[in-house]
Amino acid sequence: MRKEETTLKVTCRPLMHAELCKALSIRIKVFVEEQQVPLEEERDAYDDTALHFGAFVGDKMVGTGRVVFAISNLFKLIFTDIIEF
């Protein structure tokens, strides 16, 4: 028997300031609660200068990521796994 497949349309876009609390709650769920990363390591100084993105299914944020500008032109992308919704 073939398992039913579901296709979801996921849209990614930069977050507005008012959406940052939701993004942080997703990061806490994935990294702190599920992966046991200490909160003081997850929330860091890069959050203030990073470019934050959200992954949305419809109007619901289901994932988040951020681009951290670490040194001059170097950057790294940190993306949180998409959570169940």
C-alpha atoms as a PDB file:
ATOM      1  CA  MET A   1       0.000   0.000   0.000  1.00  0.00           C
ATOM      2  CA  ARG A   2       1.391   3.398  -0.993  1.00  0.00           C
ATOM      3  CA  LYS A   3       1.651   6.038   1.703  1.00  0.00           C
ATOM      4  CA  GLU A   4      -0.339   9.160   0.865  1.00  0.00           C
ATOM      5  CA  GLU A   5       1.866  12.102  -0.067  1.00  0.00           C
ATOM      6  CA  THR A   6       1.099  15.675   0.842  1.00  0.00           C
ATOM      7  CA  THR A   7       2.592  18.672  -0.903  1.00  0.00           C
ATOM      8  CA  LEU A   8       2.753  21.916   1.023  1.00  0.00           C
ATOM      9  CA  LYS A   9       3.527  25.324  -0.394  1.00  0.00           C
ATOM     10  CA  VAL A  10       6.191  26.851   1.844  1.00  0.00           C
ATOM     11  CA  THR A  11       7.028  30.520   1.421  1.00  0.00           C
ATOM     12  CA  CYS A  12      10.177  32.069   2.900  1.00  0.00           C
ATOM     13  CA  ARG A  13      10.574  35.786   3.482  1.00  0.00           C
ATOM     14  CA  PRO A  14      12.362  38.250   5.748  1.00  0.00           C
ATOM     15  CA  LEU A  15      10.605  38.742   9.067  1.00  0.00           C
ATOM     16  CA  MET A  16       9.092  41.947  10.329  1.00  0.00           C
ATOM     17  CA  HIS A  17      10.148  43.111  13.789  1.00  0.00           C
ATOM     18  CA  ALA A  18       6.789  42.055  15.269  1.00  0.00           C
ATOM     19  CA  GLU A  19       7.378  38.456  14.100  1.00  0.00           C
ATOM     20  CA  LEU A  20      10.723  37.960  15.883  1.00  0.00           C
ATOM     21  CA  CYS A  21       9.109  36.648  19.096  1.00  0.00           C
ATOM     22  CA  LYS A  22       7.417  33.833  17.159  1.00  0.00           C
ATOM     23  CA  ALA A  23      10.698  33.002  15.416  1.00  0.00           C
ATOM     24  CA  LEU A  24      12.478  32.828  18.763  1.00  0.00           C
ATOM     25  CA  SER A  25       9.784  30.530  20.168  1.00  0.00           C
ATOM     26  CA  ILE A  26      10.354  28.146  17.226  1.00  0.00           C
ATOM     27  CA  ARG A  27      14.111  28.229  17.810  1.00  0.00           C
ATOM     28  CA  ILE A  28      13.614  27.477  21.506  1.00  0.00           C
ATOM     29  CA  LYS A  29      11.327  24.543  20.698  1.00  0.00           C
ATOM     30  CA  VAL A  30      13.743  23.017  18.188  1.00  0.00           C
ATOM     31  CA  PHE A  31      17.131  23.755  19.742  1.00  0.00           C
ATOM     32  CA  VAL A  32      16.533  24.113  23.489  1.00  0.00           C
ATOM     33  CA  GLU A  33      13.653  21.690  24.071  1.00  0.00           C
ATOM     34  CA  GLU A  34      14.313  19.062  21.385  1.00  0.00           C
ATOM     35  CA  GLN A  35      18.104  19.209  20.986  1.00  0.00           C
ATOM     36  CA  GLN A  36      18.944  20.237  24.582  1.00  0.00           C
ATOM     37  CA  VAL A  37      21.022  23.282  23.580  1.00  0.00           C
ATOM     38  CA  PRO A  38      21.350  25.630  26.587  1.00  0.00           C
ATOM     39  CA  LEU A  39      19.180  28.727  26.162  1.00  0.00           C
ATOM     40  CA  GLU A  40      22.148  31.026  26.789  1.00  0.00           C
ATOM     41  CA  GLU A  41      23.897  29.460  23.766  1.00  0.00           C
ATOM     42  CA  GLU A  42      20.852  29.614  21.489  1.00  0.00           C
ATOM     43  CA  ARG A  43      20.008  33.270  22.108  1.00  0.00           C
ATOM     44  CA  ASP A  44      23.186  35.131  21.206  1.00  0.00           C
ATOM     45  CA  ALA A  45      24.583  38.554  20.333  1.00  0.00           C
ATOM     46  CA  TYR A  46      24.114  37.877  16.610  1.00  0.00           C
ATOM     47  CA  ASP A  47      20.336  38.083  16.975  1.00  0.00           C
ATOM     48  CA  ASP A  48      20.464  41.884  17.091  1.00  0.00           C
ATOM     49  CA  THR A  49      22.256  42.232  13.747  1.00  0.00           C
ATOM     50  CA  ALA A  50      21.181  39.066  11.885  1.00  0.00           C
ATOM     51  CA  LEU A  51      18.762  39.069   8.973  1.00  0.00           C
ATOM     52  CA  HIS A  52      15.881  36.864  10.161  1.00  0.00           C
ATOM     53  CA  PHE A  53      13.689  34.808   7.816  1.00  0.00           C
ATOM     54  CA  GLY A  54      10.509  32.842   8.342  1.00  0.00           C
ATOM     55  CA  ALA A  55       9.154  29.795   6.532  1.00  0.00           C
ATOM     56  CA  PHE A  56       5.380  29.967   6.203  1.00  0.00           C
ATOM     57  CA  VAL A  57       2.603  27.601   5.207  1.00  0.00           C
ATOM     58  CA  GLY A  58      -0.211  30.023   4.529  1.00  0.00           C
ATOM     59  CA  ASP A  59      -0.071  32.561   7.353  1.00  0.00           C
ATOM     60  CA  LYS A  60       1.506  30.166   9.853  1.00  0.00           C
ATOM     61  CA  MET A  61       5.233  30.393  10.583  1.00  0.00           C
ATOM     62  CA  VAL A  62       6.572  26.829  10.607  1.00  0.00           C
ATOM     63  CA  GLY A  63      10.304  27.456  10.532  1.00  0.00           C
ATOM     64  CA  THR A  64      12.859  30.181  10.885  1.00  0.00           C
ATOM     65  CA  GLY A  65      16.399  30.987   9.894  1.00  0.00           C
ATOM     66  CA  ARG A  66      18.855  33.816  10.123  1.00  0.00           C
ATOM     67  CA  VAL A  67      21.816  35.128   8.192  1.00  0.00           C
ATOM     68  CA  VAL A  68      24.608  36.125  10.549  1.00  0.00           C
ATOM     69  CA  PHE A  69      27.218  38.566   9.307  1.00  0.00           C
ATOM     70  CA  ALA A  70      30.233  37.413  11.282  1.00  0.00           C
ATOM     71  CA  ILE A  71      33.282  39.064   9.688  1.00  0.00           C
ATOM     72  CA  SER A  72      33.199  41.684   6.961  1.00  0.00           C
ATOM     73  CA  ASN A  73      31.819  39.926   3.865  1.00  0.00           C
ATOM     74  CA  LEU A  74      31.660  36.498   5.468  1.00  0.00           C
ATOM     75  CA  PHE A  75      28.341  35.216   6.705  1.00  0.00           C
ATOM     76  CA  LYS A  76      26.692  32.007   7.774  1.00  0.00           C
ATOM     77  CA  LEU A  77      23.125  30.860   7.417  1.00  0.00           C
ATOM     78  CA  ILE A  78      21.553  29.224  10.438  1.00  0.00           C
ATOM     79  CA  PHE A  79      18.278  27.518   9.663  1.00  0.00           C
ATOM     80  CA  THR A  80      15.921  25.930  12.131  1.00  0.00           C
ATOM     81  CA  ASP A  81      14.179  22.725  11.122  1.00  0.00           C
ATOM     82  CA  ILE A  82      10.553  23.088  10.141  1.00  0.00           C
ATOM     83  CA  ILE A  83       8.343  22.076  13.026  1.00  0.00           C
ATOM     84  CA  GLU A  84       5.001  20.316  12.951  1.00  0.00           C
ATOM     85  CA  PHE A  85       1.986  22.538  12.601  1.00  0.00           C
END
